[in-house]
């Protein structure tokens, strides 16, 4: 589900910004360990850096299915860092601006835009631009062991984590109502 959401963003941007070519966007961790895992050059990088529970959908009730009542999928917020890695700063600004334009124009990605793995889990994904403080950005880039660079910070909602267990508690088979009078 996480990778399917990342692929949805990647495919959406490739369809909206075709002049970049068919493979100018990478899904990457941005983590660098002792010089390994270098950033691809002249490419846009989508980095999922945070998965947190959606506070508005946290306490949803169990849902009735043919298996009985089951917990609904867990709703999460996905936070992405988007950066264009290039020594050509004007090009990095231009590519970043095109990504910004794409998500400003279409902040809600519907069924035709979604990765097939997401069908049945979500009807749409909403993409919002975040405004982290300078301290938050510095902490993130420091944790990634990379120098701070021009970036967009996005929040994608809702994404749903399906249940591993398929068994429900079953439907109510019998109801009993007792009425007692006070003595």
C-alpha atoms as a PDB file:
ATOM      1  CA  UNK A   1       0.000   0.000   0.000  1.00  0.00           C
ATOM      2  CA  UNK A   2       2.825   2.441   0.759  1.00  0.00           C
ATOM      3  CA  UNK A   3       4.705   1.632  -2.426  1.00  0.00           C
ATOM      4  CA  UNK A   4       1.446   1.734  -4.425  1.00  0.00           C
ATOM      5  CA  UNK A   5       0.834   5.283  -3.163  1.00  0.00           C
ATOM      6  CA  UNK A   6       4.369   6.296  -4.114  1.00  0.00           C
ATOM      7  CA  UNK A   7       3.884   4.758  -7.578  1.00  0.00           C
ATOM      8  CA  UNK A   8       0.601   6.693  -7.903  1.00  0.00           C
ATOM      9  CA  UNK A   9       2.422   9.973  -7.275  1.00  0.00           C
ATOM     10  CA  UNK A  10       5.234   8.980  -9.628  1.00  0.00           C
ATOM     11  CA  UNK A  11       2.863   7.973 -12.447  1.00  0.00           C
ATOM     12  CA  UNK A  12       0.732  11.100 -11.969  1.00  0.00           C
ATOM     13  CA  UNK A  13       3.774  13.370 -12.271  1.00  0.00           C
ATOM     14  CA  UNK A  14       5.066  11.460 -15.314  1.00  0.00           C
ATOM     15  CA  UNK A  15       1.690  11.939 -17.007  1.00  0.00           C
ATOM     16  CA  UNK A  16       1.467  15.647 -16.118  1.00  0.00           C
ATOM     17  CA  UNK A  17       5.088  16.546 -16.899  1.00  0.00           C
ATOM     18  CA  UNK A  18       5.951  14.424 -19.957  1.00  0.00           C
ATOM     19  CA  UNK A  19       8.816  16.657 -21.120  1.00  0.00           C
ATOM     20  CA  UNK A  20      11.002  15.130 -18.389  1.00  0.00           C
ATOM     21  CA  UNK A  21      11.062  11.794 -20.195  1.00  0.00           C
ATOM     22  CA  UNK A  22       9.732   8.421 -19.142  1.00  0.00           C
ATOM     23  CA  UNK A  23      12.121   7.813 -16.266  1.00  0.00           C
ATOM     24  CA  UNK A  24      13.093  11.135 -14.670  1.00  0.00           C
ATOM     25  CA  UNK A  25      11.341  10.401 -11.332  1.00  0.00           C
ATOM     26  CA  UNK A  26      12.729   7.938  -8.762  1.00  0.00           C
ATOM     27  CA  UNK A  27      11.265   6.557  -5.558  1.00  0.00           C
ATOM     28  CA  UNK A  28      14.234   6.746  -3.212  1.00  0.00           C
ATOM     29  CA  UNK A  29      14.927   6.598   0.533  1.00  0.00           C
ATOM     30  CA  UNK A  30      17.428   9.487   0.391  1.00  0.00           C
ATOM     31  CA  UNK A  31      19.325   7.760   3.186  1.00  0.00           C
ATOM     32  CA  UNK A  32      23.061   7.648   2.635  1.00  0.00           C
ATOM     33  CA  UNK A  33      25.205   5.213   4.572  1.00  0.00           C
ATOM     34  CA  UNK A  34      28.976   5.656   4.292  1.00  0.00           C
ATOM     35  CA  UNK A  35      28.809   6.880   0.700  1.00  0.00           C
ATOM     36  CA  UNK A  36      26.446   4.191  -0.543  1.00  0.00           C
ATOM     37  CA  UNK A  37      23.004   4.778  -2.062  1.00  0.00           C
ATOM     38  CA  UNK A  38      23.917   7.921  -4.037  1.00  0.00           C
ATOM     39  CA  UNK A  39      21.191  10.213  -5.295  1.00  0.00           C
ATOM     40  CA  UNK A  40      20.433   9.817  -8.981  1.00  0.00           C
ATOM     41  CA  UNK A  41      21.645  12.905 -10.881  1.00  0.00           C
ATOM     42  CA  UNK A  42      19.243  15.085 -12.884  1.00  0.00           C
ATOM     43  CA  UNK A  43      16.234  13.276 -11.511  1.00  0.00           C
ATOM     44  CA  UNK A  44      13.297  14.061  -9.281  1.00  0.00           C
ATOM     45  CA  UNK A  45      13.291  12.047  -6.065  1.00  0.00           C
ATOM     46  CA  UNK A  46      10.135  11.069  -4.138  1.00  0.00           C
ATOM     47  CA  UNK A  47      11.016  10.109  -0.582  1.00  0.00           C
ATOM     48  CA  UNK A  48       8.376   8.801   1.832  1.00  0.00           C
ATOM     49  CA  UNK A  49       9.737   9.910   5.189  1.00  0.00           C
ATOM     50  CA  UNK A  50       6.814   9.622   7.600  1.00  0.00           C
ATOM     51  CA  UNK A  51       3.704   7.483   8.152  1.00  0.00           C
ATOM     52  CA  UNK A  52       1.392   8.660  10.947  1.00  0.00           C
ATOM     53  CA  UNK A  53      -2.180   7.756  11.952  1.00  0.00           C
ATOM     54  CA  UNK A  54      -4.854  10.054  10.537  1.00  0.00           C
ATOM     55  CA  UNK A  55      -6.316  11.749  13.645  1.00  0.00           C
ATOM     56  CA  UNK A  56      -9.668  12.353  11.927  1.00  0.00           C
ATOM     57  CA  UNK A  57     -10.204   8.701  10.998  1.00  0.00           C
ATOM     58  CA  UNK A  58      -8.581   7.074  14.014  1.00  0.00           C
ATOM     59  CA  UNK A  59     -11.657   5.786  15.897  1.00  0.00           C
ATOM     60  CA  UNK A  60     -13.843   4.488  13.125  1.00  0.00           C
ATOM     61  CA  UNK A  61     -16.280   1.752  14.176  1.00  0.00           C
ATOM     62  CA  UNK A  62     -16.053  -1.837  13.006  1.00  0.00           C
ATOM     63  CA  UNK A  63     -17.622  -2.453   9.619  1.00  0.00           C
ATOM     64  CA  UNK A  64     -20.033  -5.215   8.680  1.00  0.00           C
ATOM     65  CA  UNK A  65     -18.838  -7.565   5.961  1.00  0.00           C
ATOM     66  CA  UNK A  66     -19.832 -11.043   4.824  1.00  0.00           C
ATOM     67  CA  UNK A  67     -17.320 -12.300   7.440  1.00  0.00           C
ATOM     68  CA  UNK A  68     -19.022 -10.357  10.208  1.00  0.00           C
ATOM     69  CA  UNK A  69     -17.804  -7.209  11.923  1.00  0.00           C
ATOM     70  CA  UNK A  70     -14.156  -6.399  11.274  1.00  0.00           C
ATOM     71  CA  UNK A  71     -11.884  -3.516  12.115  1.00  0.00           C
ATOM     72  CA  UNK A  72     -11.735  -1.025   9.276  1.00  0.00           C
ATOM     73  CA  UNK A  73      -8.374  -0.482   7.579  1.00  0.00           C
ATOM     74  CA  UNK A  74      -6.113   1.906   9.481  1.00  0.00           C
ATOM     75  CA  UNK A  75      -6.075   5.384   7.946  1.00  0.00           C
ATOM     76  CA  UNK A  76      -2.632   6.993   7.767  1.00  0.00           C
ATOM     77  CA  UNK A  77      -1.099  10.241   6.554  1.00  0.00           C
ATOM     78  CA  UNK A  78       1.932   9.844   4.315  1.00  0.00           C
ATOM     79  CA  UNK A  79       4.547  12.586   4.251  1.00  0.00           C
ATOM     80  CA  UNK A  80       6.865  12.936   1.292  1.00  0.00           C
ATOM     81  CA  UNK A  81       9.950  14.961   0.563  1.00  0.00           C
ATOM     82  CA  UNK A  82      10.278  15.802  -3.146  1.00  0.00           C
ATOM     83  CA  UNK A  83      13.541  17.189  -4.503  1.00  0.00           C
ATOM     84  CA  UNK A  84      15.256  17.472  -7.867  1.00  0.00           C
ATOM     85  CA  UNK A  85      18.920  16.470  -7.700  1.00  0.00           C
ATOM     86  CA  UNK A  86      21.002  18.527 -10.114  1.00  0.00           C
ATOM     87  CA  UNK A  87      24.019  20.825 -10.071  1.00  0.00           C
ATOM     88  CA  UNK A  88      22.033  23.077 -12.426  1.00  0.00           C
ATOM     89  CA  UNK A  89      20.046  25.107  -9.863  1.00  0.00           C
ATOM     90  CA  UNK A  90      17.795  26.870 -12.420  1.00  0.00           C
ATOM     91  CA  UNK A  91      16.787  23.448 -13.766  1.00  0.00           C
ATOM     92  CA  UNK A  92      16.085  22.221 -10.205  1.00  0.00           C
ATOM     93  CA  UNK A  93      13.873  25.252  -9.625  1.00  0.00           C
ATOM     94  CA  UNK A  94      12.040  24.705 -12.915  1.00  0.00           C
ATOM     95  CA  UNK A  95      11.401  21.005 -12.248  1.00  0.00           C
ATOM     96  CA  UNK A  96      10.296  21.706  -8.671  1.00  0.00           C
ATOM     97  CA  UNK A  97       7.940  24.432  -9.928  1.00  0.00           C
ATOM     98  CA  UNK A  98       6.382  21.973 -12.414  1.00  0.00           C
ATOM     99  CA  UNK A  99       5.716  19.492  -9.610  1.00  0.00           C
ATOM    100  CA  UNK A 100       4.164  22.275  -7.550  1.00  0.00           C
ATOM    101  CA  UNK A 101       1.969  23.286 -10.511  1.00  0.00           C
ATOM    102  CA  UNK A 102       0.860  19.690 -11.090  1.00  0.00           C
ATOM    103  CA  UNK A 103      -0.321  19.186  -7.505  1.00  0.00           C
ATOM    104  CA  UNK A 104      -1.798  22.687  -7.284  1.00  0.00           C
ATOM    105  CA  UNK A 105      -3.820  22.032 -10.439  1.00  0.00           C
ATOM    106  CA  UNK A 106      -4.944  18.554  -9.354  1.00  0.00           C
ATOM    107  CA  UNK A 107      -4.647  18.157  -5.560  1.00  0.00           C
ATOM    108  CA  UNK A 108      -7.071  15.219  -5.583  1.00  0.00           C
ATOM    109  CA  UNK A 109      -6.095  12.081  -7.486  1.00  0.00           C
ATOM    110  CA  UNK A 110      -9.124   9.978  -8.417  1.00  0.00           C
ATOM    111  CA  UNK A 111      -9.644   6.388  -9.597  1.00  0.00           C
ATOM    112  CA  UNK A 112      -8.031   6.812 -13.048  1.00  0.00           C
ATOM    113  CA  UNK A 113      -4.838   8.086 -11.377  1.00  0.00           C
ATOM    114  CA  UNK A 114      -4.563   5.389  -8.694  1.00  0.00           C
ATOM    115  CA  UNK A 115      -2.229   2.408  -8.784  1.00  0.00           C
ATOM    116  CA  UNK A 116      -4.255  -0.817  -9.290  1.00  0.00           C
ATOM    117  CA  UNK A 117      -3.148  -2.043  -5.846  1.00  0.00           C
ATOM    118  CA  UNK A 118      -5.082   0.843  -4.276  1.00  0.00           C
ATOM    119  CA  UNK A 119      -8.398   0.022  -5.966  1.00  0.00           C
ATOM    120  CA  UNK A 120     -10.947  -0.954  -3.355  1.00  0.00           C
ATOM    121  CA  UNK A 121      -8.864   0.641  -0.592  1.00  0.00           C
ATOM    122  CA  UNK A 122      -9.295   4.329  -1.461  1.00  0.00           C
ATOM    123  CA  UNK A 123     -11.575   6.351  -3.726  1.00  0.00           C
ATOM    124  CA  UNK A 124      -9.089   9.193  -4.008  1.00  0.00           C
ATOM    125  CA  UNK A 125      -5.862  10.587  -2.606  1.00  0.00           C
ATOM    126  CA  UNK A 126      -5.556  14.196  -1.523  1.00  0.00           C
ATOM    127  CA  UNK A 127      -2.133  15.867  -1.867  1.00  0.00           C
ATOM    128  CA  UNK A 128      -1.325  18.934   0.249  1.00  0.00           C
ATOM    129  CA  UNK A 129       1.805  21.038   0.406  1.00  0.00           C
ATOM    130  CA  UNK A 130       3.283  21.172   3.912  1.00  0.00           C
ATOM    131  CA  UNK A 131       5.234  24.071   5.391  1.00  0.00           C
ATOM    132  CA  UNK A 132       7.739  22.624   7.847  1.00  0.00           C
ATOM    133  CA  UNK A 133       9.783  25.039   9.910  1.00  0.00           C
ATOM    134  CA  UNK A 134      13.454  25.549   9.114  1.00  0.00           C
ATOM    135  CA  UNK A 135      14.322  23.497  12.204  1.00  0.00           C
ATOM    136  CA  UNK A 136      12.109  20.588  11.054  1.00  0.00           C
ATOM    137  CA  UNK A 137      13.672  20.670   7.581  1.00  0.00           C
ATOM    138  CA  UNK A 138      17.171  20.753   9.077  1.00  0.00           C
ATOM    139  CA  UNK A 139      16.371  17.798  11.341  1.00  0.00           C
ATOM    140  CA  UNK A 140      15.014  15.790   8.422  1.00  0.00           C
ATOM    141  CA  UNK A 141      17.975  16.439   6.133  1.00  0.00           C
ATOM    142  CA  UNK A 142      20.406  15.807   8.999  1.00  0.00           C
ATOM    143  CA  UNK A 143      18.714  12.480   9.742  1.00  0.00           C
ATOM    144  CA  UNK A 144      19.053  11.584   6.048  1.00  0.00           C
ATOM    145  CA  UNK A 145      22.763  12.504   6.208  1.00  0.00           C
ATOM    146  CA  UNK A 146      22.369  14.868   3.261  1.00  0.00           C
ATOM    147  CA  UNK A 147      22.834  18.640   2.827  1.00  0.00           C
ATOM    148  CA  UNK A 148      19.658  20.729   2.771  1.00  0.00           C
ATOM    149  CA  UNK A 149      18.370  21.385  -0.751  1.00  0.00           C
ATOM    150  CA  UNK A 150      15.382  22.897  -2.512  1.00  0.00           C
ATOM    151  CA  UNK A 151      12.424  20.621  -1.753  1.00  0.00           C
ATOM    152  CA  UNK A 152       8.687  20.270  -1.555  1.00  0.00           C
ATOM    153  CA  UNK A 153       7.071  18.612   1.437  1.00  0.00           C
ATOM    154  CA  UNK A 154       3.788  16.845   0.698  1.00  0.00           C
ATOM    155  CA  UNK A 155       1.126  15.141   2.781  1.00  0.00           C
ATOM    156  CA  UNK A 156      -1.016  12.491   1.103  1.00  0.00           C
ATOM    157  CA  UNK A 157      -4.330  11.396   2.651  1.00  0.00           C
ATOM    158  CA  UNK A 158      -6.039   9.117   3.235  1.00  0.00           C
ATOM    159  CA  UNK A 159      -4.064   5.971   2.729  1.00  0.00           C
ATOM    160  CA  UNK A 160      -5.448   2.808   4.292  1.00  0.00           C
ATOM    161  CA  UNK A 161      -3.504  -0.073   5.761  1.00  0.00           C
ATOM    162  CA  UNK A 162      -5.572  -3.244   5.307  1.00  0.00           C
ATOM    163  CA  UNK A 163      -6.043  -5.806   8.066  1.00  0.00           C
ATOM    164  CA  UNK A 164      -3.979  -8.988   8.044  1.00  0.00           C
ATOM    165  CA  UNK A 165      -6.722 -11.012   9.716  1.00  0.00           C
ATOM    166  CA  UNK A 166      -9.739 -11.774   7.571  1.00  0.00           C
ATOM    167  CA  UNK A 167     -11.991 -13.184  10.286  1.00  0.00           C
ATOM    168  CA  UNK A 168     -14.672 -11.023  11.789  1.00  0.00           C
ATOM    169  CA  UNK A 169     -16.613 -11.422  14.981  1.00  0.00           C
ATOM    170  CA  UNK A 170     -19.669 -12.574  13.062  1.00  0.00           C
ATOM    171  CA  UNK A 171     -23.143 -11.133  12.872  1.00  0.00           C
ATOM    172  CA  UNK A 172     -25.464 -10.903  15.859  1.00  0.00           C
ATOM    173  CA  UNK A 173     -27.400 -14.181  15.914  1.00  0.00           C
ATOM    174  CA  UNK A 174     -29.683 -13.567  18.836  1.00  0.00           C
ATOM    175  CA  UNK A 175     -30.853 -10.544  20.766  1.00  0.00           C
ATOM    176  CA  UNK A 176     -32.265 -10.647  24.226  1.00  0.00           C
ATOM    177  CA  UNK A 177     -34.123  -7.849  25.937  1.00  0.00           C
ATOM    178  CA  UNK A 178     -34.799  -8.044  29.680  1.00  0.00           C
ATOM    179  CA  UNK A 179     -37.024  -5.657  31.481  1.00  0.00           C
ATOM    180  CA  UNK A 180     -36.926  -5.731  35.258  1.00  0.00           C
ATOM    181  CA  UNK A 181     -39.135  -3.761  37.542  1.00  0.00           C
ATOM    182  CA  UNK A 182     -37.924  -2.237  40.755  1.00  0.00           C
ATOM    183  CA  UNK A 183     -39.336  -3.820  43.938  1.00  0.00           C
END
